[in-house]
Amino acid sequence: MAMDPHASVASKRRLKGALALTLVFMGLEIAGGLLSRSLALLADAGHMASDAGALALSLFAFWLSAKPRSLRRTFGWYRFEIFAALLNGLSLGLAAVLIVGEAFRRVRAPLDIRTGPMLLVAMAGLAVNILVAAILHQSRHENLNTKGAYLHVIGDTLGSVGVITAGLLIRATGWKVVDPIVSVLICGLIAWSGVQLVREAFHILMEGTPDHLPLEEIRSGLAGIPDVRDVHDLHIWTVTSGFVSLTLHLTVDDPTRSSAVLEAARDLLKDRFGLEHTTIQIEGKSERACSTQSCD
């Protein structure tokens, strides 16, 4: 099932703290970018805005997933988390495209950069990113949006290092084109984070097999249970982070052994693969029939 209540409360507390820090410093970084005329700093602020969006969506998904199930939504609102992660990933790509467009404009006509404010804000941003990453570190595997936010913060940390490097180079050499070049590199981090989120969210929305579960190993394990003749219509998918479901059909040689086979299959799936939300249909040798292409 989804994460336990205690983990959920702890994750929400960490998310709230990380969101507060991110929003406060994002505003300071935007002001610093405008004051210093540094596109790299504004790009880093854009990346930080995407972090804030991921954190806010994750908190909203926590709240929405707590809403009760209904006859129309028998799984409740669990999957909103995945939809939110998809939207967040797509928004990252859009932000990267907009910043790259401005970077190319500035390569042709570089602006004077005030390196003092640029360096000051970037160094403070580096400290804030390290603190936010430390806050999110324990929750990074509990929730897809939290994982995405953690990856973004790591990217932000590298982005802050890039801005500091650009500021020092401009200060030492006067080469103003370094600023838009660094902003493009930061956009590469933004786009990479977006692609990873979109890929993972799309895989879940398409009900793909979770990467950590070996489908063929599960099939062979079930086939090795005494009296099992065939394993078919085996499907494993993720409803939301930490909530994996499995359905399958087992053909048995001796119908009187159905209860024992069912118990053995459930034990194997739970003890060996950690699967608890399972639906298993037992069939006799002459019962197998399927009108879809999903029964292989």
Protein backbone atom coordinates (compact mmCIF):
# COMPACT_ATOMS: atom_id res chain seq x y z
CA MET A 1 0.00 0.00 0.00
CA ALA A 2 0.95 3.67 0.14
CA MET A 3 3.35 4.88 2.76
CA ASP A 4 2.36 4.47 6.40
CA PRO A 5 0.79 7.42 8.32
CA HIS A 6 3.89 8.10 10.42
CA ALA A 7 6.11 8.33 7.34
CA SER A 8 3.46 10.52 5.69
CA VAL A 9 3.40 13.00 8.59
CA ALA A 10 7.21 13.17 8.70
CA SER A 11 7.39 13.65 4.92
CA LYS A 12 4.82 16.44 4.99
CA ARG A 13 6.74 18.21 7.76
CA ARG A 14 9.98 18.03 5.75
CA LEU A 15 8.21 19.18 2.60
CA LYS A 16 6.72 22.21 4.35
CA GLY A 17 10.11 23.23 5.74
CA ALA A 18 11.80 22.78 2.38
CA LEU A 19 9.03 24.71 0.58
CA ALA A 20 9.26 27.67 3.00
CA LEU A 21 13.04 27.91 2.53
CA THR A 22 12.76 27.55 -1.23
CA LEU A 23 10.08 30.23 -1.64
CA VAL A 24 11.90 32.77 0.54
CA PHE A 25 15.19 32.37 -1.26
CA MET A 26 13.59 32.17 -4.70
CA GLY A 27 12.30 35.71 -4.18
CA LEU A 28 15.75 36.89 -3.08
CA GLU A 29 17.36 35.19 -6.10
CA ILE A 30 14.94 36.83 -8.55
CA ALA A 31 15.66 40.23 -6.98
CA GLY A 32 19.38 39.53 -7.10
CA GLY A 33 19.20 38.42 -10.74
CA LEU A 34 17.35 41.59 -11.75
CA LEU A 35 19.72 43.79 -9.75
CA SER A 36 22.88 42.16 -11.13
CA ARG A 37 21.44 41.60 -14.66
CA SER A 38 22.62 37.99 -14.46
CA LEU A 39 20.62 35.58 -16.62
CA ALA A 40 22.44 32.66 -14.97
CA LEU A 41 21.12 33.81 -11.61
CA LEU A 42 17.60 34.22 -13.02
CA ALA A 43 17.86 30.74 -14.60
CA ASP A 44 18.82 29.35 -11.21
CA ALA A 45 15.81 31.18 -9.73
CA GLY A 46 13.66 29.55 -12.41
CA HIS A 47 15.02 26.16 -11.41
CA MET A 48 14.26 26.99 -7.79
CA ALA A 49 10.72 27.95 -8.82
CA SER A 50 10.32 24.49 -10.33
CA ASP A 51 11.49 23.03 -7.01
CA ALA A 52 8.85 25.05 -5.21
CA GLY A 53 6.24 23.81 -7.68
CA ALA A 54 7.25 20.20 -7.12
CA LEU A 55 7.13 20.63 -3.35
CA ALA A 56 3.74 22.39 -3.46
CA LEU A 57 2.30 19.71 -5.78
CA SER A 58 3.61 17.00 -3.49
CA LEU A 59 1.96 18.60 -0.47
CA PHE A 60 -1.28 19.02 -2.42
CA ALA A 61 -1.09 15.36 -3.49
CA PHE A 62 -0.69 14.34 0.17
CA TRP A 63 -3.83 16.31 1.04
CA LEU A 64 -5.82 15.03 -1.94
CA SER A 65 -4.80 11.39 -1.42
CA ALA A 66 -6.28 11.55 2.09
CA LYS A 67 -9.75 12.17 0.63
CA PRO A 68 -12.00 9.09 1.00
CA ARG A 69 -12.67 6.67 -1.85
CA SER A 70 -15.98 6.82 -3.67
CA LEU A 71 -18.04 4.64 -5.98
CA ARG A 72 -16.64 6.62 -8.94
CA ARG A 73 -13.02 6.58 -7.68
CA THR A 74 -12.43 3.27 -5.93
CA PHE A 75 -8.70 4.05 -5.53
CA GLY A 76 -9.48 7.53 -4.23
CA TRP A 77 -7.14 10.30 -5.40
CA TYR A 78 -3.87 8.40 -4.99
CA ARG A 79 -2.87 8.72 -8.64
CA PHE A 80 -3.05 12.52 -8.63
CA GLU A 81 0.54 12.41 -7.37
CA ILE A 82 1.64 10.84 -10.67
CA PHE A 83 -0.36 13.31 -12.76
CA ALA A 84 1.17 16.19 -10.77
CA ALA A 85 4.66 14.83 -11.38
CA LEU A 86 3.96 14.66 -15.12
CA LEU A 87 2.79 18.29 -15.15
CA ASN A 88 5.84 19.34 -13.16
CA GLY A 89 8.18 17.60 -15.59
CA LEU A 90 6.54 19.25 -18.60
CA SER A 91 6.72 22.68 -16.94
CA LEU A 92 10.45 22.16 -16.41
CA GLY A 93 10.92 21.62 -20.13
CA LEU A 94 8.98 24.80 -20.93
CA ALA A 95 11.05 26.84 -18.47
CA ALA A 96 14.28 25.50 -20.00
CA VAL A 97 13.16 26.47 -23.53
CA LEU A 98 12.29 30.04 -22.46
CA ILE A 99 15.60 30.58 -20.66
CA VAL A 100 17.65 29.16 -23.56
CA GLY A 101 15.89 31.58 -25.92
CA GLU A 102 16.87 34.53 -23.73
CA ALA A 103 20.42 33.15 -23.41
CA PHE A 104 20.93 33.15 -27.19
CA ARG A 105 19.68 36.74 -27.33
CA ARG A 106 22.22 37.72 -24.69
CA VAL A 107 25.06 35.92 -26.45
CA ARG A 108 24.50 38.26 -29.41
CA ALA A 109 24.16 41.33 -27.17
CA PRO A 110 25.74 40.70 -23.73
CA LEU A 111 24.67 42.92 -20.83
CA ASP A 112 26.95 44.38 -18.19
CA ILE A 113 26.87 42.10 -15.14
CA ARG A 114 27.18 43.35 -11.56
CA THR A 115 29.24 40.49 -10.19
CA GLY A 116 29.11 41.61 -6.54
CA PRO A 117 25.36 41.00 -6.00
CA MET A 118 25.52 38.01 -8.35
CA LEU A 119 28.19 36.25 -6.27
CA LEU A 120 26.60 37.15 -2.95
CA VAL A 121 23.19 35.76 -3.91
CA ALA A 122 24.67 32.67 -5.60
CA MET A 123 26.73 31.76 -2.50
CA ALA A 124 23.68 32.18 -0.28
CA GLY A 125 21.72 30.04 -2.76
CA LEU A 126 24.30 27.30 -2.54
CA ALA A 127 23.92 27.21 1.25
CA VAL A 128 20.11 27.12 1.02
CA ASN A 129 20.14 24.33 -1.59
CA ILE A 130 22.42 22.21 0.56
CA LEU A 131 20.08 22.73 3.54
CA VAL A 132 16.94 21.87 1.51
CA ALA A 133 18.63 18.76 0.07
CA ALA A 134 19.46 17.63 3.61
CA ILE A 135 15.81 18.12 4.64
CA LEU A 136 14.50 16.08 1.68
CA HIS A 137 17.17 13.37 1.78
CA GLN A 138 15.22 10.99 4.04
CA SER A 139 11.97 11.33 2.05
CA ARG A 140 13.39 11.09 -1.46
CA HIS A 141 12.22 7.49 -2.04
CA GLU A 142 8.73 7.82 -0.48
CA ASN A 143 7.01 9.93 -3.11
CA LEU A 144 7.57 10.62 -6.82
CA ASN A 145 7.12 14.38 -6.42
CA THR A 146 9.45 14.46 -3.43
CA LYS A 147 12.00 12.47 -5.41
CA GLY A 148 11.65 14.96 -8.25
CA ALA A 149 12.06 17.91 -5.91
CA TYR A 150 15.16 16.30 -4.39
CA LEU A 151 16.67 15.82 -7.85
CA HIS A 152 15.87 19.43 -8.70
CA VAL A 153 17.56 20.67 -5.54
CA ILE A 154 20.67 18.66 -6.40
CA GLY A 155 20.55 20.29 -9.84
CA ASP A 156 20.08 23.69 -8.18
CA THR A 157 23.14 23.06 -6.05
CA LEU A 158 25.20 22.42 -9.18
CA GLY A 159 23.56 25.45 -10.77
CA SER A 160 24.63 27.66 -7.87
CA VAL A 161 28.18 26.40 -8.29
CA GLY A 162 27.92 27.31 -11.98
CA VAL A 163 26.69 30.83 -11.20
CA ILE A 164 29.51 31.36 -8.70
CA THR A 165 32.02 30.14 -11.30
CA ALA A 166 30.53 32.47 -13.93
CA GLY A 167 30.65 35.43 -11.54
CA LEU A 168 34.30 34.80 -10.71
CA LEU A 169 35.23 34.43 -14.39
CA ILE A 170 33.41 37.63 -15.36
CA ARG A 171 35.05 39.46 -12.47
CA ALA A 172 38.52 38.19 -13.46
CA THR A 173 38.30 38.41 -17.27
CA GLY A 174 35.37 40.69 -18.10
CA TRP A 175 34.03 38.01 -20.48
CA LYS A 176 30.30 38.77 -20.14
CA VAL A 177 29.20 35.96 -22.48
CA VAL A 178 30.01 33.47 -19.68
CA ASP A 179 26.70 34.41 -18.02
CA PRO A 180 24.34 33.22 -20.80
CA ILE A 181 26.56 30.18 -21.42
CA VAL A 182 26.21 29.12 -17.78
CA SER A 183 22.44 29.76 -17.95
CA VAL A 184 22.23 27.27 -20.86
CA LEU A 185 24.14 24.69 -18.81
CA ILE A 186 21.71 25.22 -15.92
CA CYS A 187 18.86 24.72 -18.41
CA GLY A 188 20.43 21.39 -19.28
CA LEU A 189 20.03 20.38 -15.62
CA ILE A 190 16.43 21.64 -15.64
CA ALA A 191 15.61 19.71 -18.82
CA TRP A 192 17.28 16.53 -17.52
CA SER A 193 15.19 16.67 -14.33
CA GLY A 194 12.06 17.22 -16.41
CA VAL A 195 12.77 14.29 -18.73
CA GLN A 196 13.38 11.95 -15.79
CA LEU A 197 10.11 12.95 -14.12
CA VAL A 198 8.07 12.72 -17.33
CA ARG A 199 9.58 9.32 -18.19
CA GLU A 200 8.82 7.85 -14.76
CA ALA A 201 5.34 9.39 -14.49
CA PHE A 202 4.46 8.26 -18.05
CA HIS A 203 5.61 4.70 -17.27
CA ILE A 204 3.30 4.61 -14.23
CA LEU A 205 0.35 6.17 -16.08
CA MET A 206 0.78 3.51 -18.79
CA GLU A 207 0.64 0.91 -15.99
CA GLY A 208 4.13 -0.35 -16.77
CA THR A 209 5.80 -2.99 -14.61
CA PRO A 210 7.70 -1.31 -11.73
CA ASP A 211 11.44 -1.31 -12.44
CA HIS A 212 12.31 -3.00 -9.14
CA LEU A 213 10.09 -6.05 -9.77
CA PRO A 214 11.41 -8.82 -12.09
CA LEU A 215 8.32 -10.03 -13.94
CA GLU A 216 9.85 -13.24 -15.31
CA GLU A 217 11.29 -14.18 -11.93
CA ILE A 218 7.84 -13.72 -10.37
CA ARG A 219 6.28 -15.83 -13.11
CA SER A 220 8.82 -18.65 -12.70
CA GLY A 221 8.45 -18.59 -8.92
CA LEU A 222 4.68 -19.01 -9.20
CA ALA A 223 5.09 -21.73 -11.84
CA GLY A 224 7.26 -23.67 -9.37
CA ILE A 225 4.45 -24.01 -6.83
CA PRO A 226 3.28 -27.68 -6.64
CA ASP A 227 0.15 -28.43 -8.73
CA VAL A 228 0.46 -25.19 -10.77
CA ARG A 229 0.22 -26.06 -14.48
CA ASP A 230 0.28 -22.54 -15.93
CA VAL A 231 0.69 -18.86 -14.98
CA HIS A 232 -1.03 -16.32 -17.24
CA ASP A 233 -2.75 -12.92 -17.32
CA LEU A 234 -0.01 -11.64 -15.00
CA HIS A 235 -0.05 -7.85 -14.56
CA ILE A 236 1.87 -5.65 -12.13
CA TRP A 237 1.43 -1.89 -12.00
CA THR A 238 1.90 1.10 -9.70
CA VAL A 239 -1.17 2.98 -8.50
CA THR A 240 0.96 5.62 -6.77
CA SER A 241 4.33 5.73 -5.03
CA GLY A 242 4.62 2.73 -2.70
CA PHE A 243 1.30 1.22 -3.82
CA VAL A 244 1.86 -1.68 -6.24
CA SER A 245 -0.92 -4.00 -7.42
CA LEU A 246 -0.76 -7.45 -9.03
CA THR A 247 -3.35 -9.63 -10.73
CA LEU A 248 -2.87 -13.10 -12.25
CA HIS A 249 -4.52 -16.40 -13.16
CA LEU A 250 -3.15 -19.78 -12.05
CA THR A 251 -4.19 -23.03 -13.73
CA VAL A 252 -4.02 -26.00 -11.33
CA ASP A 253 -3.97 -29.73 -12.02
CA ASP A 254 -6.01 -30.70 -8.95
CA PRO A 255 -8.96 -28.38 -8.12
CA THR A 256 -9.06 -29.75 -4.56
CA ARG A 257 -5.64 -28.14 -4.03
CA SER A 258 -6.84 -24.66 -5.00
CA SER A 259 -6.82 -23.25 -1.45
CA ALA A 260 -3.29 -24.54 -0.78
CA VAL A 261 -2.03 -23.17 -4.10
CA LEU A 262 -3.64 -19.80 -3.42
CA GLU A 263 -2.06 -19.58 0.03
CA ALA A 264 1.36 -20.58 -1.34
CA ALA A 265 1.14 -18.00 -4.13
CA ARG A 266 0.20 -15.21 -1.71
CA ASP A 267 3.03 -16.13 0.65
CA LEU A 268 5.57 -16.22 -2.18
CA LEU A 269 4.49 -12.82 -3.53
CA LYS A 270 4.55 -11.21 -0.10
CA ASP A 271 7.69 -12.78 1.39
CA ARG A 272 9.91 -12.87 -1.70
CA PHE A 273 8.77 -9.79 -3.62
CA GLY A 274 7.02 -7.62 -1.02
CA LEU A 275 3.70 -7.66 -2.89
CA GLU A 276 0.64 -7.49 -0.66
CA HIS A 277 -2.08 -5.97 -2.86
CA THR A 278 -2.70 -9.04 -5.03
CA THR A 279 -5.67 -10.60 -6.81
CA ILE A 280 -5.25 -14.26 -7.81
CA GLN A 281 -7.76 -16.32 -9.79
CA ILE A 282 -7.47 -20.11 -9.62
CA GLU A 283 -8.66 -22.08 -12.68
CA GLY A 284 -9.03 -25.73 -13.58
CA LYS A 285 -7.24 -27.22 -16.61
CA SER A 286 -10.30 -26.80 -18.85
CA GLU A 287 -11.27 -23.29 -17.70
CA ARG A 288 -8.67 -21.05 -19.29
CA ALA A 289 -10.31 -18.56 -21.63
CA CYS A 290 -9.64 -14.96 -22.45
CA SER A 291 -11.18 -12.61 -25.00
CA THR A 292 -8.42 -9.99 -24.78
CA GLN A 293 -4.71 -9.91 -25.65
CA SER A 294 -3.70 -9.58 -21.99
CA CYS A 295 -3.68 -13.25 -20.96
CA ASP A 296 -0.23 -14.37 -22.09
